[in-house]
Amino acid sequence: MKRVLVVAPHPDDETLGCGGTIAKMVRAGHEAYWAIVTRMPENTYEADIIERRGREIQNVTELYSFSAVFPMGFPAAGLGMDTGKLVASLASIVDKVKATDFYIPFFGDAHSDHRVVYDAAVAAGKSFRHTTVERILCYETLSETNFGLRGNSAVFIPTVYEDITATMATKKKALGIYATEMGEHPFPRSYDAVNALALLRGSECGAQFAEAFMLIKEIHRG
């Protein structure tokens, strides 16, 4: 049985990047865990918006049947100021759930939070400290991965595909929970864009719909 740990800099990243895969893993009898790195600061957002986000997280948790959720509570857009604490916190979660598969944001994403989380997650997944980790994969996040524009050294190159034809409807349902984060085409976080990307990745691997990942590390033990 796999124990999948999905690290999301912000709620909705997990669904945009690997919502179909999460649902597929749980359907297959594996355990899925969700680490939400940042929170909405109380001095920046109104109480009703923060409450709505809490309801969204609860609804998404129930939809995917996560085994556990870890709200890490770091301030959004301020992760680079305390990377040591972030690494330690992620490492603690890896050990707690005995994660085998580690899904993390891409290192070339546009948002600085995504890049900081990538670096921290790779450090937290060091094989000589956390021996359960077998695979580390980057997911692609619409409006982040495709807007990174950081040169050839940070191009997302898909190397692993998951056929999500059977769970695409669950991914779309989760996106509906995050309705305020979605927009109309050509906004990059739109149902049209999500559908188009899943169709494109499916065409690359012989499936109707797929999610693509960039394999960072894979370990075969025994």
N, C-alpha and C. Protein backbone atom coordinates (compact mmCIF):
# COMPACT_ATOMS: atom_id res chain seq x y z
N MET A 1 0.84 -1.21 0.00
CA MET A 1 0.00 0.00 0.00
C MET A 1 0.87 1.25 0.00
N LYS A 2 0.51 2.21 -0.85
CA LYS A 2 1.23 3.47 -0.90
C LYS A 2 0.64 4.44 0.13
N ARG A 3 1.50 5.32 0.63
CA ARG A 3 1.07 6.41 1.49
C ARG A 3 1.52 7.70 0.80
N VAL A 4 0.55 8.32 0.16
CA VAL A 4 0.81 9.46 -0.72
C VAL A 4 0.70 10.75 0.07
N LEU A 5 1.75 11.55 0.06
CA LEU A 5 1.73 12.86 0.71
C LEU A 5 1.78 13.94 -0.36
N VAL A 6 0.72 14.74 -0.43
CA VAL A 6 0.63 15.84 -1.38
C VAL A 6 0.87 17.15 -0.64
N VAL A 7 1.87 17.89 -1.08
CA VAL A 7 2.21 19.16 -0.44
C VAL A 7 1.69 20.30 -1.31
N ALA A 8 0.80 21.10 -0.75
CA ALA A 8 0.20 22.22 -1.47
C ALA A 8 0.62 23.53 -0.83
N PRO A 9 1.31 24.39 -1.55
CA PRO A 9 1.62 25.71 -0.99
C PRO A 9 0.35 26.44 -0.56
N HIS A 10 -0.71 26.32 -1.36
CA HIS A 10 -2.01 26.94 -1.07
C HIS A 10 -3.11 25.95 -1.40
N PRO A 11 -4.22 25.98 -0.68
CA PRO A 11 -5.35 25.13 -1.05
C PRO A 11 -5.79 25.43 -2.49
N ASP A 12 -5.98 24.44 -3.23
CA ASP A 12 -6.35 24.31 -4.66
C ASP A 12 -5.18 23.83 -5.49
N ASP A 13 -3.94 24.03 -5.03
CA ASP A 13 -2.78 23.52 -5.77
C ASP A 13 -2.85 22.00 -5.89
N GLU A 14 -3.30 21.35 -4.81
CA GLU A 14 -3.37 19.88 -4.83
C GLU A 14 -4.35 19.39 -5.89
N THR A 15 -5.44 20.12 -6.08
CA THR A 15 -6.45 19.70 -7.05
C THR A 15 -6.03 20.04 -8.47
N LEU A 16 -5.53 21.24 -8.69
CA LEU A 16 -5.04 21.61 -10.01
C LEU A 16 -3.91 20.68 -10.45
N GLY A 17 -3.01 20.35 -9.54
CA GLY A 17 -1.84 19.57 -9.90
C GLY A 17 -2.06 18.08 -9.96
N CYS A 18 -2.82 17.53 -9.01
CA CYS A 18 -2.94 16.06 -8.97
C CYS A 18 -4.25 15.58 -8.38
N GLY A 19 -5.32 16.34 -8.58
CA GLY A 19 -6.61 15.94 -8.02
C GLY A 19 -7.10 14.60 -8.51
N GLY A 20 -6.94 14.35 -9.82
CA GLY A 20 -7.36 13.06 -10.36
C GLY A 20 -6.53 11.91 -9.84
N THR A 21 -5.25 12.16 -9.64
CA THR A 21 -4.35 11.13 -9.12
C THR A 21 -4.67 10.82 -7.66
N ILE A 22 -4.95 11.85 -6.86
CA ILE A 22 -5.33 11.62 -5.46
C ILE A 22 -6.55 10.71 -5.40
N ALA A 23 -7.59 11.07 -6.15
CA ALA A 23 -8.81 10.28 -6.15
C ALA A 23 -8.55 8.85 -6.63
N LYS A 24 -7.71 8.71 -7.63
CA LYS A 24 -7.37 7.38 -8.17
C LYS A 24 -6.65 6.54 -7.14
N MET A 25 -5.70 7.14 -6.42
CA MET A 25 -4.94 6.40 -5.40
C MET A 25 -5.86 5.92 -4.28
N VAL A 26 -6.75 6.78 -3.82
CA VAL A 26 -7.65 6.41 -2.73
C VAL A 26 -8.61 5.32 -3.19
N ARG A 27 -9.11 5.42 -4.41
CA ARG A 27 -9.97 4.38 -4.96
C ARG A 27 -9.28 3.02 -4.99
N ALA A 28 -7.98 3.05 -5.22
CA ALA A 28 -7.22 1.81 -5.32
C ALA A 28 -6.83 1.25 -3.95
N GLY A 29 -7.22 1.93 -2.88
CA GLY A 29 -6.96 1.43 -1.54
C GLY A 29 -5.72 1.98 -0.87
N HIS A 30 -5.10 2.98 -1.50
CA HIS A 30 -3.92 3.61 -0.90
C HIS A 30 -4.35 4.74 0.04
N GLU A 31 -3.44 5.21 0.86
CA GLU A 31 -3.73 6.32 1.77
C GLU A 31 -3.19 7.62 1.18
N ALA A 32 -3.96 8.68 1.31
CA ALA A 32 -3.53 9.99 0.82
C ALA A 32 -3.56 10.99 1.96
N TYR A 33 -2.53 11.82 2.02
CA TYR A 33 -2.39 12.84 3.06
C TYR A 33 -2.15 14.19 2.39
N TRP A 34 -2.61 15.24 3.05
CA TRP A 34 -2.56 16.59 2.47
C TRP A 34 -1.87 17.54 3.44
N ALA A 35 -0.74 18.09 3.02
CA ALA A 35 -0.06 19.13 3.80
C ALA A 35 -0.34 20.48 3.14
N ILE A 36 -1.01 21.36 3.87
CA ILE A 36 -1.32 22.71 3.37
C ILE A 36 -0.33 23.66 4.02
N VAL A 37 0.56 24.20 3.23
CA VAL A 37 1.70 24.93 3.81
C VAL A 37 1.30 26.29 4.38
N THR A 38 0.49 27.05 3.65
CA THR A 38 0.22 28.43 4.07
C THR A 38 -1.21 28.61 4.56
N ARG A 39 -1.41 29.72 5.22
CA ARG A 39 -2.74 30.11 5.70
C ARG A 39 -3.01 31.55 5.27
N MET A 40 -4.27 31.94 5.37
CA MET A 40 -4.64 33.33 5.11
C MET A 40 -4.41 34.15 6.38
N PRO A 41 -3.51 35.13 6.37
CA PRO A 41 -3.28 35.94 7.58
C PRO A 41 -4.52 36.72 7.98
N GLU A 42 -4.82 36.72 9.28
CA GLU A 42 -6.03 37.39 9.78
C GLU A 42 -6.00 38.90 9.53
N ASN A 43 -4.82 39.48 9.49
CA ASN A 43 -4.73 40.93 9.31
C ASN A 43 -4.80 41.35 7.84
N THR A 44 -4.93 40.37 6.94
CA THR A 44 -5.01 40.66 5.51
C THR A 44 -6.37 40.32 4.92
N TYR A 45 -7.00 39.26 5.44
CA TYR A 45 -8.27 38.79 4.89
C TYR A 45 -9.39 38.96 5.91
N GLU A 46 -10.58 39.23 5.40
CA GLU A 46 -11.74 39.37 6.27
C GLU A 46 -12.16 38.02 6.82
N ALA A 47 -12.84 38.05 7.96
CA ALA A 47 -13.20 36.82 8.67
C ALA A 47 -14.05 35.89 7.82
N ASP A 48 -14.98 36.46 7.03
CA ASP A 48 -15.85 35.58 6.24
C ASP A 48 -15.09 34.86 5.14
N ILE A 49 -14.05 35.48 4.60
CA ILE A 49 -13.22 34.84 3.57
C ILE A 49 -12.42 33.70 4.19
N ILE A 50 -11.88 33.94 5.38
CA ILE A 50 -11.12 32.90 6.08
C ILE A 50 -12.03 31.73 6.44
N GLU A 51 -13.24 32.05 6.88
CA GLU A 51 -14.21 30.99 7.20
C GLU A 51 -14.57 30.18 5.96
N ARG A 52 -14.76 30.87 4.85
CA ARG A 52 -15.09 30.17 3.60
C ARG A 52 -13.96 29.24 3.19
N ARG A 53 -12.73 29.68 3.34
CA ARG A 53 -11.60 28.84 3.01
C ARG A 53 -11.58 27.58 3.90
N GLY A 54 -11.90 27.76 5.16
CA GLY A 54 -11.97 26.61 6.06
C GLY A 54 -13.00 25.59 5.61
N ARG A 55 -14.16 26.09 5.15
CA ARG A 55 -15.21 25.18 4.65
C ARG A 55 -14.74 24.48 3.38
N GLU A 56 -14.04 25.21 2.52
CA GLU A 56 -13.52 24.61 1.29
C GLU A 56 -12.56 23.47 1.60
N ILE A 57 -11.68 23.71 2.55
CA ILE A 57 -10.70 22.68 2.93
C ILE A 57 -11.42 21.46 3.48
N GLN A 58 -12.42 21.68 4.32
CA GLN A 58 -13.18 20.56 4.88
C GLN A 58 -13.89 19.77 3.79
N ASN A 59 -14.51 20.47 2.86
CA ASN A 59 -15.25 19.80 1.78
C ASN A 59 -14.32 19.03 0.85
N VAL A 60 -13.17 19.61 0.56
CA VAL A 60 -12.19 18.91 -0.30
C VAL A 60 -11.64 17.68 0.42
N THR A 61 -11.39 17.82 1.72
CA THR A 61 -10.91 16.69 2.52
C THR A 61 -11.89 15.52 2.44
N GLU A 62 -13.16 15.82 2.58
CA GLU A 62 -14.17 14.77 2.53
C GLU A 62 -14.31 14.19 1.12
N LEU A 63 -14.22 15.03 0.11
CA LEU A 63 -14.36 14.56 -1.27
C LEU A 63 -13.26 13.56 -1.63
N TYR A 64 -12.02 13.88 -1.28
CA TYR A 64 -10.90 13.00 -1.61
C TYR A 64 -10.71 11.87 -0.61
N SER A 65 -11.37 11.95 0.54
CA SER A 65 -11.19 10.97 1.62
C SER A 65 -9.72 10.91 2.07
N PHE A 66 -9.14 12.09 2.31
CA PHE A 66 -7.79 12.13 2.84
C PHE A 66 -7.74 11.42 4.20
N SER A 67 -6.67 10.68 4.45
CA SER A 67 -6.50 10.02 5.75
C SER A 67 -6.20 11.02 6.84
N ALA A 68 -5.55 12.12 6.48
CA ALA A 68 -5.27 13.19 7.43
C ALA A 68 -4.86 14.44 6.65
N VAL A 69 -5.13 15.59 7.27
CA VAL A 69 -4.75 16.87 6.69
C VAL A 69 -3.88 17.60 7.70
N PHE A 70 -2.81 18.24 7.20
CA PHE A 70 -1.88 18.94 8.07
C PHE A 70 -1.83 20.42 7.68
N PRO A 71 -2.60 21.29 8.37
CA PRO A 71 -2.52 22.73 8.12
C PRO A 71 -1.26 23.27 8.80
N MET A 72 -0.26 23.61 8.01
CA MET A 72 1.04 23.98 8.58
C MET A 72 1.07 25.42 9.08
N GLY A 73 0.22 26.29 8.51
CA GLY A 73 0.03 27.61 9.08
C GLY A 73 1.09 28.65 8.81
N PHE A 74 1.93 28.44 7.80
CA PHE A 74 2.92 29.47 7.46
C PHE A 74 2.24 30.61 6.71
N PRO A 75 2.71 31.85 6.88
CA PRO A 75 2.08 32.98 6.19
C PRO A 75 2.34 32.92 4.69
N ALA A 76 1.31 33.13 3.90
CA ALA A 76 1.45 33.14 2.45
C ALA A 76 2.41 34.24 2.02
N ALA A 77 3.20 33.95 0.99
CA ALA A 77 4.16 34.91 0.40
C ALA A 77 5.28 35.30 1.36
N GLY A 78 5.44 34.57 2.47
CA GLY A 78 6.52 34.89 3.40
C GLY A 78 7.34 33.67 3.77
N LEU A 79 7.30 32.63 2.94
CA LEU A 79 7.94 31.37 3.30
C LEU A 79 9.47 31.46 3.31
N GLY A 80 10.02 32.31 2.47
CA GLY A 80 11.48 32.37 2.35
C GLY A 80 12.17 32.88 3.59
N MET A 81 11.41 33.41 4.55
CA MET A 81 12.03 34.00 5.74
C MET A 81 12.35 32.96 6.80
N ASP A 82 11.80 31.75 6.71
CA ASP A 82 12.03 30.76 7.75
C ASP A 82 12.04 29.36 7.15
N THR A 83 12.97 29.13 6.21
CA THR A 83 12.99 27.87 5.50
C THR A 83 13.39 26.71 6.41
N GLY A 84 14.21 26.97 7.39
CA GLY A 84 14.62 25.90 8.31
C GLY A 84 13.43 25.31 9.05
N LYS A 85 12.55 26.17 9.52
CA LYS A 85 11.35 25.72 10.21
C LYS A 85 10.42 24.98 9.26
N LEU A 86 10.34 25.46 8.02
CA LEU A 86 9.50 24.81 7.02
C LEU A 86 10.01 23.39 6.72
N VAL A 87 11.30 23.25 6.53
CA VAL A 87 11.89 21.92 6.28
C VAL A 87 11.60 20.98 7.44
N ALA A 88 11.81 21.47 8.65
CA ALA A 88 11.59 20.62 9.84
C ALA A 88 10.14 20.20 9.96
N SER A 89 9.23 21.12 9.65
CA SER A 89 7.80 20.82 9.74
C SER A 89 7.40 19.78 8.70
N LEU A 90 7.88 19.94 7.49
CA LEU A 90 7.57 18.96 6.43
C LEU A 90 8.19 17.60 6.76
N ALA A 91 9.41 17.61 7.25
CA ALA A 91 10.07 16.35 7.61
C ALA A 91 9.30 15.61 8.69
N SER A 92 8.75 16.35 9.64
CA SER A 92 7.95 15.75 10.70
C SER A 92 6.72 15.06 10.14
N ILE A 93 6.08 15.69 9.14
CA ILE A 93 4.89 15.10 8.51
C ILE A 93 5.28 13.85 7.73
N VAL A 94 6.37 13.91 7.00
CA VAL A 94 6.85 12.74 6.24
C VAL A 94 7.02 11.55 7.18
N ASP A 95 7.65 11.79 8.31
CA ASP A 95 7.88 10.72 9.28
C ASP A 95 6.57 10.24 9.91
N LYS A 96 5.67 11.17 10.18
CA LYS A 96 4.42 10.82 10.85
C LYS A 96 3.57 9.90 9.98
N VAL A 97 3.49 10.19 8.69
CA VAL A 97 2.63 9.38 7.81
C VAL A 97 3.41 8.26 7.13
N LYS A 98 4.75 8.27 7.32
CA LYS A 98 5.61 7.28 6.65
C LYS A 98 5.35 7.30 5.14
N ALA A 99 5.46 8.49 4.57
CA ALA A 99 5.13 8.71 3.17
C ALA A 99 6.01 7.88 2.25
N THR A 100 5.39 7.28 1.24
CA THR A 100 6.14 6.56 0.21
C THR A 100 6.24 7.39 -1.07
N ASP A 101 5.17 8.11 -1.39
CA ASP A 101 5.14 8.93 -2.60
C ASP A 101 4.89 10.37 -2.20
N PHE A 102 5.74 11.25 -2.69
CA PHE A 102 5.79 12.63 -2.26
C PHE A 102 5.50 13.50 -3.48
N TYR A 103 4.34 14.16 -3.52
CA TYR A 103 3.95 15.03 -4.63
C TYR A 103 4.13 16.48 -4.20
N ILE A 104 4.94 17.22 -4.97
CA ILE A 104 5.34 18.56 -4.58
C ILE A 104 5.24 19.52 -5.77
N PRO A 105 5.20 20.83 -5.53
CA PRO A 105 5.13 21.77 -6.66
C PRO A 105 6.44 21.79 -7.45
N PHE A 106 6.35 22.29 -8.67
CA PHE A 106 7.49 22.35 -9.58
C PHE A 106 8.42 23.50 -9.20
N PHE A 107 9.72 23.25 -9.33
CA PHE A 107 10.71 24.25 -8.89
C PHE A 107 10.76 25.49 -9.77
N GLY A 108 10.17 25.44 -10.96
CA GLY A 108 10.20 26.61 -11.85
C GLY A 108 8.91 27.41 -11.85
N ASP A 109 7.99 27.12 -10.92
CA ASP A 109 6.70 27.82 -10.89
C ASP A 109 6.87 29.32 -10.69
N ALA A 110 5.87 30.06 -11.14
CA ALA A 110 5.93 31.52 -11.06
C ALA A 110 5.90 32.04 -9.62
N HIS A 111 5.08 31.43 -8.77
CA HIS A 111 4.90 31.93 -7.40
C HIS A 111 6.09 31.53 -6.53
N SER A 112 6.63 32.49 -5.81
CA SER A 112 7.80 32.21 -4.96
C SER A 112 7.49 31.16 -3.89
N ASP A 113 6.24 31.12 -3.38
CA ASP A 113 5.87 30.10 -2.40
C ASP A 113 6.09 28.70 -2.95
N HIS A 114 5.77 28.49 -4.21
CA HIS A 114 5.93 27.17 -4.83
C HIS A 114 7.40 26.78 -4.88
N ARG A 115 8.25 27.73 -5.23
CA ARG A 115 9.68 27.43 -5.35
C ARG A 115 10.29 27.14 -3.98
N VAL A 116 9.89 27.89 -2.98
CA VAL A 116 10.39 27.66 -1.62
C VAL A 116 9.93 26.31 -1.11
N VAL A 117 8.66 25.98 -1.36
CA VAL A 117 8.13 24.69 -0.91
C VAL A 117 8.84 23.54 -1.61
N TYR A 118 9.14 23.70 -2.89
CA TYR A 118 9.90 22.65 -3.59
C TYR A 118 11.23 22.39 -2.88
N ASP A 119 12.00 23.44 -2.64
CA ASP A 119 13.31 23.28 -2.00
C ASP A 119 13.18 22.63 -0.62
N ALA A 120 12.19 23.07 0.15
CA ALA A 120 11.99 22.53 1.49
C ALA A 120 11.56 21.07 1.43
N ALA A 121 10.69 20.74 0.48
CA ALA A 121 10.20 19.37 0.36
C ALA A 121 11.30 18.41 -0.05
N VAL A 122 12.15 18.82 -0.97
CA VAL A 122 13.27 17.97 -1.38
C VAL A 122 14.21 17.73 -0.19
N ALA A 123 14.44 18.77 0.59
CA ALA A 123 15.27 18.60 1.79
C ALA A 123 14.60 17.69 2.80
N ALA A 124 13.28 17.81 2.92
CA ALA A 124 12.54 16.99 3.89
C ALA A 124 12.42 15.54 3.45
N GLY A 125 12.66 15.28 2.17
CA GLY A 125 12.54 13.92 1.65
C GLY A 125 13.86 13.21 1.46
N LYS A 126 14.91 13.70 2.10
CA LYS A 126 16.23 13.06 1.96
C LYS A 126 16.16 11.59 2.39
N SER A 127 16.62 10.72 1.50
CA SER A 127 16.44 9.27 1.72
C SER A 127 17.22 8.75 2.92
N PHE A 128 18.32 9.38 3.28
CA PHE A 128 19.10 8.87 4.41
C PHE A 128 18.49 9.25 5.75
N ARG A 129 17.52 10.17 5.73
CA ARG A 129 16.81 10.54 6.96
C ARG A 129 15.39 9.97 6.99
N HIS A 130 14.79 9.82 5.83
CA HIS A 130 13.39 9.41 5.75
C HIS A 130 13.30 8.22 4.79
N THR A 131 13.51 7.06 5.33
CA THR A 131 13.73 5.86 4.50
C THR A 131 12.45 5.32 3.86
N THR A 132 11.29 5.84 4.23
CA THR A 132 10.06 5.35 3.60
C THR A 132 9.83 5.95 2.22
N VAL A 133 10.42 7.12 1.96
CA VAL A 133 10.15 7.83 0.71
C VAL A 133 10.77 7.08 -0.47
N GLU A 134 9.91 6.72 -1.42
CA GLU A 134 10.35 5.98 -2.59
C GLU A 134 10.34 6.82 -3.86
N ARG A 135 9.41 7.77 -3.94
CA ARG A 135 9.30 8.61 -5.14
C ARG A 135 8.99 10.05 -4.76
N ILE A 136 9.66 10.97 -5.44
CA ILE A 136 9.35 12.39 -5.33
C ILE A 136 9.01 12.88 -6.73
N LEU A 137 7.80 13.44 -6.87
CA LEU A 137 7.34 13.90 -8.17
C LEU A 137 6.81 15.33 -8.07
N CYS A 138 7.10 16.13 -9.10
CA CYS A 138 6.54 17.48 -9.19
C CYS A 138 5.26 17.43 -10.01
N TYR A 139 4.25 18.12 -9.55
CA TYR A 139 3.03 18.29 -10.33
C TYR A 139 3.03 19.64 -11.01
N GLU A 140 2.23 19.78 -12.05
CA GLU A 140 2.14 21.07 -12.75
C GLU A 140 0.84 21.77 -12.35
N THR A 141 0.96 23.05 -12.09
CA THR A 141 -0.16 23.85 -11.60
C THR A 141 -0.48 24.94 -12.61
N LEU A 142 -1.67 24.87 -13.19
CA LEU A 142 -2.08 25.91 -14.13
C LEU A 142 -2.00 27.29 -13.48
N SER A 143 -1.48 28.25 -14.22
CA SER A 143 -1.24 29.63 -13.81
C SER A 143 0.07 29.79 -13.05
N GLU A 144 0.74 28.69 -12.73
CA GLU A 144 2.03 28.75 -12.04
C GLU A 144 3.13 28.10 -12.89
N THR A 145 2.98 26.82 -13.18
CA THR A 145 4.00 26.09 -13.94
C THR A 145 4.14 26.65 -15.35
N ASN A 146 3.01 26.97 -15.97
CA ASN A 146 3.05 27.46 -17.35
C ASN A 146 3.34 28.95 -17.45
N PHE A 147 3.48 29.62 -16.30
CA PHE A 147 3.83 31.04 -16.30
C PHE A 147 5.15 31.30 -15.59
N GLY A 148 5.94 30.25 -15.37
CA GLY A 148 7.20 30.42 -14.66
C GLY A 148 8.21 31.25 -15.43
N LEU A 149 8.35 30.94 -16.72
CA LEU A 149 9.22 31.71 -17.63
C LEU A 149 10.60 31.95 -17.03
N ARG A 150 11.20 30.87 -16.52
CA ARG A 150 12.49 31.02 -15.85
C ARG A 150 13.64 30.43 -16.65
N GLY A 151 13.44 30.21 -17.94
CA GLY A 151 14.51 29.72 -18.80
C GLY A 151 14.50 28.21 -18.93
N ASN A 152 15.41 27.71 -19.77
CA ASN A 152 15.43 26.29 -20.10
C ASN A 152 15.73 25.40 -18.91
N SER A 153 16.37 25.92 -17.88
CA SER A 153 16.70 25.10 -16.72
C SER A 153 15.49 24.83 -15.84
N ALA A 154 14.38 25.50 -16.10
CA ALA A 154 13.18 25.32 -15.27
C ALA A 154 11.96 25.04 -16.13
N VAL A 155 12.14 24.17 -17.12
CA VAL A 155 11.03 23.77 -17.98
C VAL A 155 10.45 22.47 -17.45
N PHE A 156 9.13 22.44 -17.31
CA PHE A 156 8.46 21.23 -16.83
C PHE A 156 8.48 20.19 -17.94
N ILE A 157 9.14 19.05 -17.68
CA ILE A 157 9.25 17.97 -18.65
C ILE A 157 8.53 16.75 -18.08
N PRO A 158 7.35 16.42 -18.59
CA PRO A 158 6.61 15.28 -18.05
C PRO A 158 7.36 13.97 -18.28
N THR A 159 7.49 13.19 -17.22
CA THR A 159 8.13 11.88 -17.34
C THR A 159 7.27 10.76 -16.76
N VAL A 160 6.22 11.13 -16.03
CA VAL A 160 5.30 10.15 -15.44
C VAL A 160 3.87 10.63 -15.73
N TYR A 161 3.04 9.71 -16.17
CA TYR A 161 1.65 10.04 -16.47
C TYR A 161 0.71 9.15 -15.66
N GLU A 162 -0.39 9.75 -15.19
CA GLU A 162 -1.46 8.98 -14.55
C GLU A 162 -2.73 9.15 -15.37
N ASP A 163 -3.29 8.02 -15.80
CA ASP A 163 -4.56 8.03 -16.49
C ASP A 163 -5.65 8.36 -15.45
N ILE A 164 -6.29 9.51 -15.60
CA ILE A 164 -7.31 9.93 -14.63
C ILE A 164 -8.70 9.96 -15.27
N THR A 165 -8.87 9.19 -16.34
CA THR A 165 -10.16 9.18 -17.02
C THR A 165 -11.31 8.87 -16.05
N ALA A 166 -11.07 7.91 -15.16
CA ALA A 166 -12.12 7.48 -14.23
C ALA A 166 -12.34 8.46 -13.08
N THR A 167 -11.40 9.38 -12.87
CA THR A 167 -11.51 10.29 -11.71
C THR A 167 -11.49 11.77 -12.12
N MET A 168 -11.58 12.03 -13.42
CA MET A 168 -11.62 13.42 -13.88
C MET A 168 -12.83 14.15 -13.31
N ALA A 169 -13.94 13.46 -13.18
CA ALA A 169 -15.15 14.09 -12.63
C ALA A 169 -14.94 14.52 -11.19
N THR A 170 -14.18 13.73 -10.42
CA THR A 170 -13.88 14.10 -9.03
C THR A 170 -13.01 15.34 -8.98
N LYS A 171 -12.02 15.42 -9.86
CA LYS A 171 -11.17 16.60 -9.94
C LYS A 171 -12.00 17.85 -10.23
N LYS A 172 -12.92 17.74 -11.19
CA LYS A 172 -13.76 18.89 -11.54
C LYS A 172 -14.68 19.27 -10.38
N LYS A 173 -15.17 18.27 -9.66
CA LYS A 173 -16.03 18.55 -8.51
C LYS A 173 -15.25 19.30 -7.44
N ALA A 174 -14.00 18.91 -7.22
CA ALA A 174 -13.15 19.61 -6.25
C ALA A 174 -12.90 21.04 -6.68
N LEU A 175 -12.68 21.25 -7.97
CA LEU A 175 -12.48 22.61 -8.46
C LEU A 175 -13.73 23.45 -8.24
N GLY A 176 -14.90 22.83 -8.30
CA GLY A 176 -16.13 23.55 -8.03
C GLY A 176 -16.21 24.04 -6.60
N ILE A 177 -15.58 23.32 -5.69
CA ILE A 177 -15.53 23.77 -4.29
C ILE A 177 -14.72 25.06 -4.18
N TYR A 178 -13.70 25.18 -5.03
CA TYR A 178 -12.87 26.39 -5.05
C TYR A 178 -13.41 27.38 -6.09
N ALA A 179 -14.69 27.57 -6.13
CA ALA A 179 -15.31 28.36 -7.20
C ALA A 179 -14.73 29.76 -7.33
N THR A 180 -14.36 30.38 -6.20
CA THR A 180 -13.85 31.76 -6.26
C THR A 180 -12.45 31.83 -6.86
N GLU A 181 -11.75 30.70 -6.96
CA GLU A 181 -10.42 30.68 -7.55
C GLU A 181 -10.47 30.43 -9.05
N MET A 182 -11.65 30.04 -9.55
CA MET A 182 -11.80 29.70 -10.96
C MET A 182 -12.32 30.91 -11.73
N GLY A 183 -12.09 30.93 -13.04
CA GLY A 183 -12.58 32.01 -13.89
C GLY A 183 -12.99 31.47 -15.24
N GLU A 184 -13.42 32.37 -16.10
CA GLU A 184 -13.82 31.99 -17.45
C GLU A 184 -12.62 32.03 -18.38
N HIS A 185 -12.62 31.11 -19.35
CA HIS A 185 -11.57 31.11 -20.38
C HIS A 185 -11.52 32.48 -21.05
N PRO A 186 -10.31 33.05 -21.26
CA PRO A 186 -8.99 32.44 -21.21
C PRO A 186 -8.25 32.57 -19.88
N PHE A 187 -8.94 32.81 -18.77
CA PHE A 187 -8.28 32.79 -17.47
C PHE A 187 -7.64 31.41 -17.29
N PRO A 188 -6.37 31.35 -16.84
CA PRO A 188 -5.67 30.06 -16.82
C PRO A 188 -6.25 29.03 -15.88
N ARG A 189 -6.89 29.48 -14.77
CA ARG A 189 -7.57 28.53 -13.90
C ARG A 189 -9.06 28.52 -14.26
N SER A 190 -9.35 27.92 -15.38
CA SER A 190 -10.72 27.80 -15.87
C SER A 190 -10.99 26.32 -16.14
N TYR A 191 -12.26 25.96 -16.18
CA TYR A 191 -12.61 24.57 -16.49
C TYR A 191 -12.13 24.19 -17.89
N ASP A 192 -12.20 25.13 -18.82
CA ASP A 192 -11.73 24.85 -20.17
C ASP A 192 -10.24 24.53 -20.18
N ALA A 193 -9.47 25.33 -19.43
CA ALA A 193 -8.02 25.11 -19.40
C ALA A 193 -7.66 23.80 -18.71
N VAL A 194 -8.35 23.51 -17.60
CA VAL A 194 -8.11 22.25 -16.88
C VAL A 194 -8.43 21.06 -17.78
N ASN A 195 -9.55 21.15 -18.47
CA ASN A 195 -9.97 20.07 -19.37
C ASN A 195 -8.98 19.91 -20.52
N ALA A 196 -8.54 21.04 -21.08
CA ALA A 196 -7.61 21.01 -22.21
C ALA A 196 -6.28 20.38 -21.81
N LEU A 197 -5.78 20.74 -20.63
CA LEU A 197 -4.51 20.19 -20.19
C LEU A 197 -4.63 18.68 -19.96
N ALA A 198 -5.74 18.25 -19.35
CA ALA A 198 -5.94 16.83 -19.11
C ALA A 198 -6.07 16.06 -20.43
N LEU A 199 -6.73 16.67 -21.41
CA LEU A 199 -6.82 16.05 -22.74
C LEU A 199 -5.44 15.96 -23.40
N LEU A 200 -4.66 17.04 -23.30
CA LEU A 200 -3.32 17.05 -23.88
C LEU A 200 -2.46 15.97 -23.25
N ARG A 201 -2.44 15.91 -21.92
CA ARG A 201 -1.62 14.90 -21.24
C ARG A 201 -2.13 13.49 -21.56
N GLY A 202 -3.44 13.37 -21.72
CA GLY A 202 -3.98 12.08 -22.12
C GLY A 202 -3.50 11.68 -23.50
N SER A 203 -3.45 12.64 -24.43
CA SER A 203 -2.99 12.33 -25.78
C SER A 203 -1.53 11.90 -25.81
N GLU A 204 -0.78 12.32 -24.79
CA GLU A 204 0.64 11.97 -24.73
C GLU A 204 0.88 10.57 -24.17
N CYS A 205 -0.16 9.97 -23.57
CA CYS A 205 0.04 8.65 -22.95
C CYS A 205 -1.06 7.65 -23.31
N GLY A 206 -1.88 7.99 -24.30
CA GLY A 206 -2.89 7.05 -24.76
C GLY A 206 -4.09 6.93 -23.86
N ALA A 207 -4.47 8.01 -23.20
CA ALA A 207 -5.64 8.01 -22.31
C ALA A 207 -6.56 9.15 -22.71
N GLN A 208 -7.79 9.10 -22.25
CA GLN A 208 -8.69 10.22 -22.52
C GLN A 208 -8.26 11.44 -21.73
N PHE A 209 -8.06 11.25 -20.42
CA PHE A 209 -7.60 12.32 -19.55
C PHE A 209 -6.41 11.82 -18.74
N ALA A 210 -5.43 12.69 -18.50
CA ALA A 210 -4.27 12.30 -17.69
C ALA A 210 -3.71 13.51 -16.97
N GLU A 211 -2.96 13.23 -15.91
CA GLU A 211 -2.13 14.23 -15.23
C GLU A 211 -0.68 13.82 -15.43
N ALA A 212 0.17 14.82 -15.60
CA ALA A 212 1.59 14.56 -15.85
C ALA A 212 2.43 15.06 -14.69
N PHE A 213 3.53 14.36 -14.47
CA PHE A 213 4.43 14.68 -13.37
C PHE A 213 5.87 14.61 -13.85
N MET A 214 6.72 15.30 -13.16
CA MET A 214 8.16 15.27 -13.44
C MET A 214 8.83 14.53 -12.30
N LEU A 215 9.36 13.36 -12.59
CA LEU A 215 9.99 12.53 -11.57
C LEU A 215 11.32 13.15 -11.16
N ILE A 216 11.46 13.39 -9.86
CA ILE A 216 12.69 13.97 -9.32
C ILE A 216 13.60 12.87 -8.76
N LYS A 217 12.98 11.89 -8.11
CA LYS A 217 13.77 10.80 -7.51
C LYS A 217 12.89 9.57 -7.41
N GLU A 218 13.50 8.40 -7.65
CA GLU A 218 12.79 7.14 -7.44
C GLU A 218 13.78 6.14 -6.86
N ILE A 219 13.38 5.47 -5.80
CA ILE A 219 14.26 4.53 -5.11
C ILE A 219 13.60 3.16 -5.09
N HIS A 220 14.33 2.14 -5.50
CA HIS A 220 13.86 0.76 -5.43
C HIS A 220 14.68 0.05 -4.36
N ARG A 221 14.02 -0.35 -3.29
CA ARG A 221 14.73 -0.98 -2.18
C ARG A 221 14.49 -2.50 -2.17
N GLY A 222 15.41 -3.20 -1.56
CA GLY A 222 15.24 -4.64 -1.40
C GLY A 222 15.65 -5.43 -2.62
